[in-house]
N, C-alpha and C. Protein backbone atom coordinates (compact mmCIF):
# COMPACT_ATOMS: atom_id res chain seq x y z
N MET A 1 4.54 31.83 12.20
CA MET A 1 3.61 32.25 13.51
C MET A 1 3.55 30.87 13.94
N PRO A 2 3.54 30.71 15.24
CA PRO A 2 2.97 29.70 16.07
C PRO A 2 1.75 29.31 15.63
N GLY A 3 0.47 30.01 15.67
CA GLY A 3 -0.73 29.73 15.32
C GLY A 3 -0.71 28.96 14.04
N ASN A 4 0.44 29.29 12.91
CA ASN A 4 0.24 28.55 11.48
C ASN A 4 0.75 27.01 11.66
N TYR A 5 1.26 26.97 12.63
CA TYR A 5 2.20 25.60 12.35
C TYR A 5 1.45 24.62 12.80
N ASP A 6 1.24 23.59 11.49
CA ASP A 6 0.82 22.36 11.89
C ASP A 6 1.64 21.14 12.11
N ARG A 7 2.23 20.51 12.99
CA ARG A 7 3.02 19.52 13.10
C ARG A 7 2.66 18.35 12.40
N LYS A 8 1.21 17.99 12.72
CA LYS A 8 0.66 16.93 11.73
C LYS A 8 -0.25 17.62 10.66
N ASP A 9 0.66 18.02 9.40
CA ASP A 9 -0.16 18.50 8.33
C ASP A 9 -0.47 17.50 7.47
N HIS A 10 -0.86 17.41 6.12
CA HIS A 10 -1.11 16.55 5.20
C HIS A 10 0.45 15.70 4.92
N LEU A 11 1.21 16.54 4.66
CA LEU A 11 2.49 15.36 4.66
C LEU A 11 2.78 14.51 5.76
N TYR A 12 2.58 14.80 6.62
CA TYR A 12 2.84 14.39 7.80
C TYR A 12 2.01 12.96 8.04
N ARG A 13 0.78 13.27 7.73
CA ARG A 13 -0.24 12.13 7.51
C ARG A 13 0.03 11.03 6.34
N LYS A 14 0.43 11.62 5.20
CA LYS A 14 0.84 10.77 4.35
C LYS A 14 1.97 9.82 4.35
N ALA A 15 2.94 10.81 5.30
CA ALA A 15 4.19 9.72 5.48
C ALA A 15 3.89 8.61 6.49
N LYS A 16 2.77 8.75 7.21
CA LYS A 16 2.56 7.60 8.23
C LYS A 16 1.85 6.78 7.39
N GLN A 17 1.01 7.13 6.60
CA GLN A 17 0.19 6.13 5.64
C GLN A 17 1.55 5.29 4.66
N GLU A 18 2.20 5.80 4.31
CA GLU A 18 3.07 5.14 3.01
C GLU A 18 4.48 4.85 4.02
N GLY A 19 4.46 4.90 5.11
CA GLY A 19 5.60 4.04 5.95
C GLY A 19 6.96 4.88 5.99
N TYR A 20 6.95 6.20 5.62
CA TYR A 20 8.23 6.96 5.91
C TYR A 20 8.11 7.44 7.28
N ARG A 21 9.73 7.60 7.85
CA ARG A 21 9.70 7.76 9.04
C ARG A 21 9.33 9.39 9.37
N SER A 22 9.03 10.19 8.25
CA SER A 22 9.00 11.52 8.47
C SER A 22 8.74 12.23 7.45
N ARG A 23 7.87 13.42 7.52
CA ARG A 23 7.09 14.25 6.27
C ARG A 23 8.50 14.90 5.31
N ALA A 24 9.95 14.60 6.04
CA ALA A 24 10.75 15.36 5.08
C ALA A 24 11.13 14.38 4.14
N ALA A 25 10.72 12.99 3.97
CA ALA A 25 10.93 12.25 2.99
C ALA A 25 10.28 12.78 1.39
N TYR A 26 9.26 13.43 1.84
CA TYR A 26 8.91 14.18 0.51
C TYR A 26 9.39 15.37 -0.22
N LYS A 27 10.24 15.96 0.80
CA LYS A 27 11.22 17.29 0.63
C LYS A 27 12.43 16.57 -0.62
N LEU A 28 12.76 15.10 -0.21
CA LEU A 28 14.03 14.49 -1.09
C LEU A 28 13.24 13.98 -2.32
N ILE A 29 12.30 13.47 -2.45
CA ILE A 29 11.55 12.70 -3.20
C ILE A 29 11.29 14.08 -4.44
N GLU A 30 10.81 15.42 -3.86
CA GLU A 30 10.69 16.58 -4.96
C GLU A 30 11.85 16.94 -5.22
N LEU A 31 13.09 16.90 -4.82
CA LEU A 31 14.41 17.45 -5.28
C LEU A 31 14.63 16.16 -6.37
N ASP A 32 14.46 15.35 -6.05
CA ASP A 32 15.01 13.84 -7.05
C ASP A 32 14.11 14.28 -8.10
N HIS A 33 13.09 14.78 -7.94
CA HIS A 33 12.23 14.71 -9.24
C HIS A 33 12.48 15.86 -10.23
N ARG A 34 13.06 17.31 -9.47
CA ARG A 34 13.15 18.29 -10.17
C ARG A 34 14.64 18.10 -10.77
N TYR A 35 15.83 17.55 -10.00
CA TYR A 35 16.79 17.60 -10.32
C TYR A 35 17.73 16.05 -10.91
N LYS A 36 16.77 14.90 -10.42
CA LYS A 36 17.40 13.52 -11.16
C LYS A 36 18.68 13.49 -10.31
N LEU A 37 18.67 13.70 -9.22
CA LEU A 37 19.74 13.30 -8.19
C LEU A 37 20.22 11.97 -8.00
N ILE A 38 19.21 11.19 -7.82
CA ILE A 38 19.58 9.76 -7.20
C ILE A 38 19.35 8.74 -8.60
N ARG A 39 20.37 7.82 -8.70
CA ARG A 39 20.47 6.85 -9.73
C ARG A 39 20.74 5.49 -9.00
N GLN A 40 20.43 4.25 -9.79
CA GLN A 40 20.84 3.06 -9.54
C GLN A 40 22.23 2.79 -9.08
N ARG A 41 22.45 2.22 -8.29
CA ARG A 41 24.17 1.41 -7.85
C ARG A 41 25.32 3.05 -7.50
N MET A 42 24.50 4.01 -7.13
CA MET A 42 24.92 5.41 -6.50
C MET A 42 25.59 5.03 -4.95
N SER A 43 26.58 5.50 -4.72
CA SER A 43 26.92 5.61 -3.41
C SER A 43 26.91 6.99 -2.83
N VAL A 44 26.27 7.25 -1.77
CA VAL A 44 25.12 8.38 -1.30
C VAL A 44 25.85 8.53 0.28
N VAL A 45 26.20 9.54 0.77
CA VAL A 45 26.20 10.10 2.35
C VAL A 45 24.96 10.97 2.33
N ASP A 46 24.27 10.88 3.50
CA ASP A 46 23.11 11.72 4.14
C ASP A 46 23.63 11.96 5.12
N LEU A 47 23.71 13.37 5.54
CA LEU A 47 24.12 13.87 6.87
C LEU A 47 22.92 14.80 7.51
N GLY A 48 22.70 14.46 8.92
CA GLY A 48 21.62 14.88 9.57
C GLY A 48 20.26 13.74 8.91
N CYS A 49 20.66 12.69 9.07
CA CYS A 49 19.63 11.62 8.78
C CYS A 49 18.45 11.12 9.50
N TYR A 50 18.75 11.70 10.81
CA TYR A 50 17.61 11.31 11.62
C TYR A 50 16.15 11.87 11.15
N PRO A 51 15.04 11.26 11.34
CA PRO A 51 15.27 9.57 11.84
C PRO A 51 14.96 8.69 11.07
N GLY A 52 15.29 9.39 9.49
CA GLY A 52 15.49 8.00 8.54
C GLY A 52 14.85 8.18 7.69
N GLY A 53 13.98 9.56 7.22
CA GLY A 53 12.97 9.28 6.24
C GLY A 53 13.77 9.27 4.77
N TRP A 54 15.16 10.12 4.84
CA TRP A 54 16.00 10.70 3.34
C TRP A 54 16.54 9.33 3.17
N LEU A 55 16.79 8.61 4.42
CA LEU A 55 17.43 7.15 3.99
C LEU A 55 16.69 6.58 3.35
N GLN A 56 15.24 6.12 3.69
CA GLN A 56 14.46 5.19 3.03
C GLN A 56 14.32 5.49 1.54
N VAL A 57 14.42 6.60 1.30
CA VAL A 57 13.78 7.62 -0.07
C VAL A 57 15.19 6.83 -0.98
N VAL A 58 16.37 7.30 -0.42
CA VAL A 58 17.76 6.93 -1.14
C VAL A 58 17.83 5.30 -1.64
N LEU A 59 17.50 4.54 -0.35
CA LEU A 59 17.36 3.22 -0.55
C LEU A 59 16.33 2.72 -1.70
N GLU A 60 15.36 3.16 -1.69
CA GLU A 60 14.34 2.75 -2.71
C GLU A 60 14.81 2.80 -3.94
N ARG A 61 15.95 3.98 -4.33
CA ARG A 61 16.47 4.58 -5.58
C ARG A 61 17.52 3.77 -6.22
N ILE A 62 18.33 3.38 -5.09
CA ILE A 62 19.84 3.41 -5.52
C ILE A 62 20.02 1.66 -5.33
N GLY A 63 19.12 0.90 -5.27
CA GLY A 63 19.13 -0.78 -5.64
C GLY A 63 20.09 -1.49 -4.64
N GLN A 64 20.02 -2.68 -5.02
CA GLN A 64 20.80 -3.52 -3.94
C GLN A 64 22.46 -3.67 -4.33
N GLN A 65 22.55 -2.85 -5.32
CA GLN A 65 24.39 -2.46 -5.71
C GLN A 65 24.80 -1.35 -5.19
N GLY A 66 23.72 -0.17 -4.91
CA GLY A 66 24.32 0.83 -4.11
C GLY A 66 24.98 0.90 -3.12
N LEU A 67 25.05 2.03 -2.64
CA LEU A 67 25.70 2.28 -0.82
C LEU A 67 25.03 3.65 -0.53
N LEU A 68 24.67 3.34 0.84
CA LEU A 68 24.26 4.53 1.45
C LEU A 68 24.72 4.57 3.07
N VAL A 69 25.23 5.71 3.34
CA VAL A 69 26.11 5.87 4.90
C VAL A 69 25.30 7.15 5.19
N GLY A 70 24.43 6.92 6.63
CA GLY A 70 23.91 8.15 7.11
C GLY A 70 24.38 8.44 8.26
N VAL A 71 24.49 9.92 8.61
CA VAL A 71 25.26 10.38 9.78
C VAL A 71 24.51 10.83 10.56
N ASP A 72 24.36 10.96 11.97
CA ASP A 72 23.54 11.98 12.61
C ASP A 72 24.17 11.78 14.08
N LEU A 73 24.07 12.84 15.13
CA LEU A 73 24.18 13.12 16.36
C LEU A 73 22.91 12.24 17.14
N ASN A 74 22.06 11.84 16.67
CA ASN A 74 20.92 11.17 17.30
C ASN A 74 21.30 9.85 17.15
N TYR A 75 20.71 8.40 18.02
CA TYR A 75 20.43 7.82 17.70
C TYR A 75 19.60 7.20 16.60
N VAL A 76 19.87 6.51 15.41
CA VAL A 76 18.80 6.09 14.62
C VAL A 76 18.80 4.83 14.30
N GLU A 77 17.29 4.10 14.61
CA GLU A 77 17.00 2.78 14.28
C GLU A 77 17.64 2.51 12.95
N PRO A 78 17.85 1.16 12.65
CA PRO A 78 18.34 0.77 11.63
C PRO A 78 17.09 0.98 10.36
N VAL A 79 17.85 1.28 9.22
CA VAL A 79 17.13 1.33 8.14
C VAL A 79 17.22 0.48 6.91
N SER A 80 16.01 -0.01 6.44
CA SER A 80 16.19 -1.36 5.30
C SER A 80 15.40 -0.97 4.71
N VAL A 81 15.59 -1.43 3.18
CA VAL A 81 14.38 -1.61 1.98
C VAL A 81 14.69 -2.73 1.31
N LYS A 82 13.98 -3.30 1.45
CA LYS A 82 13.92 -4.80 0.45
C LYS A 82 15.37 -5.76 0.85
N GLY A 83 15.67 -5.24 1.98
CA GLY A 83 16.67 -6.22 2.46
C GLY A 83 17.95 -5.12 2.29
N LYS A 84 17.90 -4.11 1.65
CA LYS A 84 18.99 -3.23 1.70
C LYS A 84 19.38 -2.63 2.89
N GLU A 85 20.21 -2.07 3.68
CA GLU A 85 20.64 -1.53 4.67
C GLU A 85 21.50 -0.39 4.62
N ALA A 86 21.01 0.41 5.08
CA ALA A 86 21.98 1.75 5.25
C ALA A 86 22.97 1.61 6.39
N ALA A 87 24.37 1.86 6.33
CA ALA A 87 25.54 2.05 7.21
C ALA A 87 25.19 3.27 7.94
N ILE A 88 24.72 3.33 9.29
CA ILE A 88 24.69 4.30 10.21
C ILE A 88 25.79 4.77 11.09
N ILE A 89 26.29 5.94 11.16
CA ILE A 89 26.97 6.37 12.11
C ILE A 89 26.53 7.46 12.90
N LYS A 90 26.80 7.10 14.27
CA LYS A 90 26.19 8.02 15.36
C LYS A 90 27.27 8.92 15.59
N GLY A 91 27.48 10.41 15.07
CA GLY A 91 28.74 11.17 15.43
C GLY A 91 28.19 12.51 14.61
N ASP A 92 29.30 13.65 15.20
CA ASP A 92 29.49 14.78 14.80
C ASP A 92 30.18 15.06 13.62
N ILE A 93 29.45 15.58 12.85
CA ILE A 93 30.43 15.86 11.18
C ILE A 93 31.47 16.99 11.52
N PHE A 94 31.62 17.85 12.43
CA PHE A 94 32.84 18.57 12.70
C PHE A 94 33.94 17.98 13.71
N SER A 95 33.71 16.59 13.64
CA SER A 95 34.82 16.06 14.50
C SER A 95 35.62 14.93 13.34
N GLU A 96 36.81 15.15 13.77
CA GLU A 96 37.78 14.15 12.66
C GLU A 96 37.55 13.00 12.74
N GLU A 97 37.23 12.28 13.68
CA GLU A 97 37.18 10.79 14.16
C GLU A 97 35.73 10.44 13.05
N THR A 98 34.50 11.36 13.06
CA THR A 98 33.40 11.05 12.53
C THR A 98 33.52 10.87 11.25
N ARG A 99 34.52 12.19 10.59
CA ARG A 99 34.78 12.03 9.19
C ARG A 99 35.65 11.02 8.59
N ALA A 100 36.58 10.75 9.36
CA ALA A 100 37.16 9.34 8.99
C ALA A 100 36.36 8.29 8.96
N GLU A 101 35.35 7.99 9.75
CA GLU A 101 34.53 6.73 9.96
C GLU A 101 33.65 6.98 8.48
N ILE A 102 33.13 8.51 7.95
CA ILE A 102 32.38 8.35 6.81
C ILE A 102 33.00 7.77 5.82
N LEU A 103 34.69 8.39 5.85
CA LEU A 103 35.67 7.89 4.67
C LEU A 103 35.47 6.37 4.39
N SER A 104 35.72 5.93 5.77
CA SER A 104 35.94 4.45 5.81
C SER A 104 34.75 3.67 5.40
N ARG A 105 33.59 3.87 5.79
CA ARG A 105 32.22 3.13 5.59
C ARG A 105 31.88 3.48 3.94
N ALA A 106 32.42 4.43 3.18
CA ALA A 106 31.83 4.74 2.10
C ALA A 106 32.68 4.09 1.10
N GLY A 107 34.23 3.75 1.63
CA GLY A 107 35.00 2.65 0.92
C GLY A 107 35.65 3.62 -0.31
N GLY A 108 35.47 4.62 -0.40
CA GLY A 108 36.15 5.59 -1.55
C GLY A 108 35.17 6.53 -1.84
N LYS A 109 35.49 7.41 -2.80
CA LYS A 109 34.85 8.47 -3.25
C LYS A 109 33.22 8.26 -3.82
N VAL A 110 32.22 8.99 -3.59
CA VAL A 110 30.78 8.85 -3.56
C VAL A 110 30.03 9.94 -4.62
N SER A 111 29.23 9.71 -5.03
CA SER A 111 28.59 10.43 -5.96
C SER A 111 27.60 11.55 -5.45
N LEU A 112 26.71 11.57 -4.19
CA LEU A 112 26.18 12.47 -3.71
C LEU A 112 26.00 12.44 -2.40
N VAL A 113 26.25 13.64 -1.98
CA VAL A 113 25.87 14.25 -0.61
C VAL A 113 24.83 15.01 -0.19
N LEU A 114 23.97 14.50 0.44
CA LEU A 114 23.15 15.00 1.27
C LEU A 114 22.95 15.59 2.56
N SER A 115 22.55 16.78 2.89
CA SER A 115 22.49 17.71 3.98
C SER A 115 21.19 18.10 4.31
N ASP A 116 20.44 17.62 5.11
CA ASP A 116 19.38 18.16 5.74
C ASP A 116 19.73 18.54 7.28
N LEU A 117 20.98 18.80 7.56
CA LEU A 117 21.29 19.39 8.87
C LEU A 117 20.64 20.46 9.30
N SER A 118 20.11 20.41 10.48
CA SER A 118 19.56 21.91 11.00
C SER A 118 20.08 22.17 12.31
N PRO A 119 20.12 23.64 12.53
CA PRO A 119 20.55 23.59 14.22
C PRO A 119 19.96 23.69 15.02
N GLN A 120 19.97 23.48 16.24
CA GLN A 120 18.92 23.66 17.33
C GLN A 120 18.32 25.06 17.32
N LEU A 121 17.19 25.12 16.77
CA LEU A 121 16.47 26.31 16.11
C LEU A 121 16.23 27.22 17.74
N SER A 122 16.82 28.33 17.68
CA SER A 122 16.27 29.49 19.03
C SER A 122 15.08 30.16 18.74
N GLY A 123 14.68 30.41 17.35
CA GLY A 123 13.79 31.49 17.08
C GLY A 123 14.04 32.69 16.87
N VAL A 124 15.29 32.84 16.99
CA VAL A 124 15.74 34.22 16.60
C VAL A 124 16.47 34.03 15.38
N ARG A 125 15.90 34.58 14.17
CA ARG A 125 16.20 34.07 12.72
C ARG A 125 17.63 34.36 12.50
N PHE A 126 18.33 35.59 12.96
CA PHE A 126 19.51 36.02 12.25
C PHE A 126 20.46 34.73 12.64
N ARG A 127 20.28 34.36 14.48
CA ARG A 127 21.02 33.38 14.89
C ARG A 127 20.88 32.12 14.16
N ASP A 128 19.96 31.78 13.91
CA ASP A 128 19.51 30.48 13.55
C ASP A 128 20.29 30.44 11.81
N ALA A 129 20.32 31.50 11.21
CA ALA A 129 20.92 31.44 9.97
C ALA A 129 22.16 31.25 9.91
N VAL A 130 23.16 32.04 10.98
CA VAL A 130 24.50 31.81 11.27
C VAL A 130 24.78 30.07 11.44
N LYS A 131 24.03 29.80 12.45
CA LYS A 131 24.09 28.46 12.61
C LYS A 131 24.11 27.23 11.30
N SER A 132 23.00 27.82 10.76
CA SER A 132 22.83 26.88 9.45
C SER A 132 23.96 27.16 8.28
N ALA A 133 24.23 28.18 8.28
CA ALA A 133 25.44 28.64 7.38
C ALA A 133 26.78 27.35 7.81
N GLU A 134 27.16 27.69 9.13
CA GLU A 134 28.11 26.90 9.75
C GLU A 134 28.27 25.41 9.33
N LEU A 135 26.88 24.81 9.38
CA LEU A 135 26.50 23.53 9.04
C LEU A 135 26.42 23.16 7.25
N VAL A 136 26.27 24.25 6.71
CA VAL A 136 26.25 23.87 5.10
C VAL A 136 27.57 24.15 5.15
N GLU A 137 28.62 24.93 5.38
CA GLU A 137 29.98 24.87 5.10
C GLU A 137 30.64 23.84 5.63
N CYS A 138 30.43 23.11 6.64
CA CYS A 138 30.90 21.99 6.83
C CYS A 138 30.69 21.15 5.85
N ALA A 139 29.13 21.09 5.34
CA ALA A 139 28.70 19.80 4.47
C ALA A 139 29.67 20.03 3.42
N LEU A 140 29.89 21.37 3.04
CA LEU A 140 30.63 21.47 1.62
C LEU A 140 31.99 21.06 1.81
N ASP A 141 32.83 21.55 3.11
CA ASP A 141 33.72 20.83 3.31
C ASP A 141 34.36 19.60 2.87
N LEU A 142 33.30 18.58 3.55
CA LEU A 142 33.49 17.34 3.68
C LEU A 142 33.06 16.73 2.67
N SER A 143 32.20 17.39 1.87
CA SER A 143 32.01 17.03 -0.22
C SER A 143 33.24 17.28 -0.87
N ARG A 144 34.31 17.98 -0.46
CA ARG A 144 35.34 18.46 -1.24
C ARG A 144 36.06 17.19 -0.94
N GLU A 145 36.00 16.61 0.07
CA GLU A 145 36.79 15.30 0.47
C GLU A 145 36.93 14.20 -0.15
N ILE A 146 35.29 13.88 -0.07
CA ILE A 146 34.74 12.73 -0.44
C ILE A 146 33.89 12.32 -1.88
N LEU A 147 33.59 13.71 -2.55
CA LEU A 147 32.72 13.37 -3.60
C LEU A 147 33.53 13.05 -4.76
N GLU A 148 33.22 12.23 -5.60
CA GLU A 148 34.09 12.02 -7.02
C GLU A 148 33.74 13.11 -7.94
N ASN A 149 34.57 13.33 -8.77
CA ASN A 149 34.51 14.38 -10.11
C ASN A 149 33.10 14.03 -10.67
N GLY A 150 32.44 15.14 -10.88
CA GLY A 150 30.97 15.23 -11.36
C GLY A 150 29.97 14.94 -10.24
N GLY A 151 30.39 14.73 -9.27
CA GLY A 151 29.29 14.29 -8.17
C GLY A 151 28.58 15.65 -7.84
N SER A 152 27.37 15.38 -7.10
CA SER A 152 26.62 16.48 -6.16
C SER A 152 26.56 16.69 -4.85
N LEU A 153 25.89 17.73 -4.37
CA LEU A 153 25.48 18.11 -3.10
C LEU A 153 24.44 18.33 -2.93
N VAL A 154 23.51 18.39 -1.99
CA VAL A 154 22.57 18.91 -1.64
C VAL A 154 22.20 19.43 -0.28
N ALA A 155 22.18 20.63 0.06
CA ALA A 155 22.12 21.17 1.60
C ALA A 155 21.06 21.82 1.87
N LYS A 156 20.40 21.79 2.91
CA LYS A 156 19.72 22.69 3.76
C LYS A 156 20.17 23.71 4.09
N ILE A 157 19.47 25.10 3.85
CA ILE A 157 19.74 26.42 4.79
C ILE A 157 18.77 27.40 5.12
N PHE A 158 19.02 27.93 6.06
CA PHE A 158 18.11 29.07 6.48
C PHE A 158 18.67 30.41 6.31
N PRO A 159 17.90 30.95 5.11
CA PRO A 159 18.86 32.03 4.52
C PRO A 159 19.10 33.37 5.39
N GLY A 160 20.54 33.86 5.43
CA GLY A 160 20.61 34.99 5.95
C GLY A 160 22.00 35.73 5.25
N PRO A 161 22.77 36.46 5.91
CA PRO A 161 23.65 37.28 5.35
C PRO A 161 24.97 36.47 4.93
N GLU A 162 25.03 35.30 5.73
CA GLU A 162 26.20 34.31 4.92
C GLU A 162 25.92 33.69 3.45
N CYS A 163 24.81 33.84 3.41
CA CYS A 163 24.29 33.13 2.07
C CYS A 163 25.04 33.33 0.65
N ASP A 164 25.62 34.74 0.56
CA ASP A 164 26.04 35.15 -0.84
C ASP A 164 27.43 34.40 -0.52
N SER A 165 28.25 34.61 0.62
CA SER A 165 29.47 34.27 0.10
C SER A 165 29.58 32.63 -0.05
N LEU A 166 28.56 32.19 0.56
CA LEU A 166 28.42 30.50 0.68
C LEU A 166 28.39 29.84 -0.78
N VAL A 167 27.17 30.81 -1.36
CA VAL A 167 27.22 30.79 -3.02
C VAL A 167 28.21 30.57 -3.62
N GLU A 168 29.14 31.62 -3.35
CA GLU A 168 30.54 31.82 -4.40
C GLU A 168 31.26 30.64 -3.72
N LYS A 169 31.34 29.86 -3.04
CA LYS A 169 32.30 29.00 -2.03
C LYS A 169 31.51 27.85 -3.22
N PHE A 170 30.21 27.55 -3.51
CA PHE A 170 29.32 26.62 -3.84
C PHE A 170 29.81 26.61 -5.49
N ARG A 171 29.99 27.68 -5.71
CA ARG A 171 30.10 28.02 -7.38
C ARG A 171 31.44 27.47 -7.74
N ALA A 172 32.42 27.99 -6.65
CA ALA A 172 33.71 27.62 -7.06
C ALA A 172 34.04 26.21 -7.05
N SER A 173 33.43 25.33 -6.72
CA SER A 173 33.51 23.83 -6.71
C SER A 173 32.56 23.06 -7.54
N PHE A 174 31.63 23.63 -7.93
CA PHE A 174 30.45 23.01 -8.73
C PHE A 174 30.81 23.73 -9.84
N ARG A 175 30.11 23.03 -11.06
CA ARG A 175 29.65 23.73 -12.32
C ARG A 175 28.39 24.02 -12.52
N VAL A 176 27.60 23.71 -11.81
CA VAL A 176 26.21 23.99 -11.62
C VAL A 176 25.25 23.86 -10.30
N PHE A 177 24.91 25.47 -10.47
CA PHE A 177 24.26 25.19 -8.73
C PHE A 177 23.09 26.24 -9.11
N SER A 178 22.05 25.68 -8.20
CA SER A 178 20.75 26.39 -8.04
C SER A 178 20.64 26.26 -6.55
N ARG A 179 19.07 27.28 -6.14
CA ARG A 179 18.47 27.43 -5.03
C ARG A 179 17.44 26.66 -5.17
N ALA A 180 16.60 26.25 -4.48
CA ALA A 180 15.17 25.36 -4.25
C ALA A 180 14.65 25.73 -3.12
N SER A 181 13.27 25.94 -3.53
CA SER A 181 12.23 26.56 -2.61
C SER A 181 11.54 25.15 -2.78
N LEU A 182 11.04 24.49 -1.78
CA LEU A 182 10.42 23.15 -2.15
C LEU A 182 8.82 23.53 -1.66
N LYS A 183 8.08 23.08 -2.40
CA LYS A 183 6.24 22.93 -2.06
C LYS A 183 6.18 22.41 -0.89
N SER A 184 7.02 21.04 -0.56
CA SER A 184 7.07 20.19 0.32
C SER A 184 7.67 20.62 1.86
N SER A 185 8.15 21.79 1.51
CA SER A 185 8.76 22.34 3.01
C SER A 185 7.25 23.05 3.57
N ARG A 186 7.18 23.02 5.03
CA ARG A 186 6.09 23.94 5.76
C ARG A 186 6.17 25.31 5.49
N LYS A 187 5.03 25.79 5.16
CA LYS A 187 4.39 26.91 4.85
C LYS A 187 5.27 28.00 5.68
N SER A 188 5.45 27.55 7.16
CA SER A 188 6.09 28.44 8.22
C SER A 188 7.63 28.68 7.83
N SER A 189 8.16 27.75 7.10
CA SER A 189 9.83 27.77 7.12
C SER A 189 10.13 28.47 5.92
N THR A 190 11.51 29.20 6.16
CA THR A 190 12.02 30.07 5.59
C THR A 190 13.39 29.06 4.66
N GLU A 191 13.45 27.88 5.11
CA GLU A 191 14.42 27.19 4.52
C GLU A 191 14.39 27.18 3.17
N LEU A 192 15.96 27.14 2.24
CA LEU A 192 15.93 26.74 0.95
C LEU A 192 16.91 25.44 1.13
N TYR A 193 16.89 24.93 -0.25
CA TYR A 193 18.11 24.00 -0.46
C TYR A 193 19.31 24.23 -1.70
N PHE A 194 20.38 24.08 -1.29
CA PHE A 194 21.69 24.42 -2.27
C PHE A 194 21.50 23.22 -3.09
N VAL A 195 21.21 23.30 -4.44
CA VAL A 195 21.70 21.99 -5.01
C VAL A 195 22.89 22.58 -6.08
N ALA A 196 23.92 21.52 -5.76
CA ALA A 196 25.03 22.05 -6.80
C ALA A 196 25.65 20.49 -7.28
N ARG A 197 25.93 20.43 -8.60
CA ARG A 197 26.29 19.32 -9.60
C ARG A 197 27.15 19.58 -10.23
N GLU A 198 27.88 18.68 -10.64
CA GLU A 198 28.95 18.31 -11.46
C GLU A 198 30.20 18.86 -10.62
N PHE A 199 30.50 18.37 -9.68
CA PHE A 199 31.84 18.92 -8.79
C PHE A 199 33.26 18.66 -9.70
N ARG A 200 34.02 19.68 -9.54
CA ARG A 200 34.75 20.23 -10.20
C ARG A 200 36.26 19.36 -9.76
N GLY A 201 36.24 18.75 -8.56
CA GLY A 201 37.21 17.91 -8.39
C GLY A 201 38.41 18.96 -7.13
N CYS A 202 39.02 18.01 -6.59
CA CYS A 202 40.08 19.02 -5.67
C CYS A 202 40.84 19.75 -6.91
């Protein structure tokens, strides 16, 4: 309900205080705490990385020897933590050109793909769920190309009738699959995160 939506809630204010670019940083922190996703020296791709909150969290955790590639349709201001900078691509993940650039910047297979992709929300729940599912399927397809054996994929989704068929596709590609509802999501949000681990390989 619009009356319950508080854009500047306590996590928004906390993000400002702690130097994160968005309150969404705390979603990734919560996911990492729960599933131990991010490690030192990892190679990570972050899809839908604007404005950079997740990039900041990843850079804090992968250290100087890690690699991070962020992708978004929007321009993202450069992000660095302790001198370590993310490689950022402005592009559409549905485009072959962007996908080729991701592979080039990653320099090989990666350990983790993160997707916080969201459609332009219309307010029509069914339509938004369909668009969200399309983005998740695109993230899954890309992950099959670039994940190393044993790698992980985390993807935001707005629940809808496509969820069950998507879950089957995730289970076919990963040995471990979970659905996560986050305390750090806004109370008004229906979003879930698919957490898929132990990629089976192509």
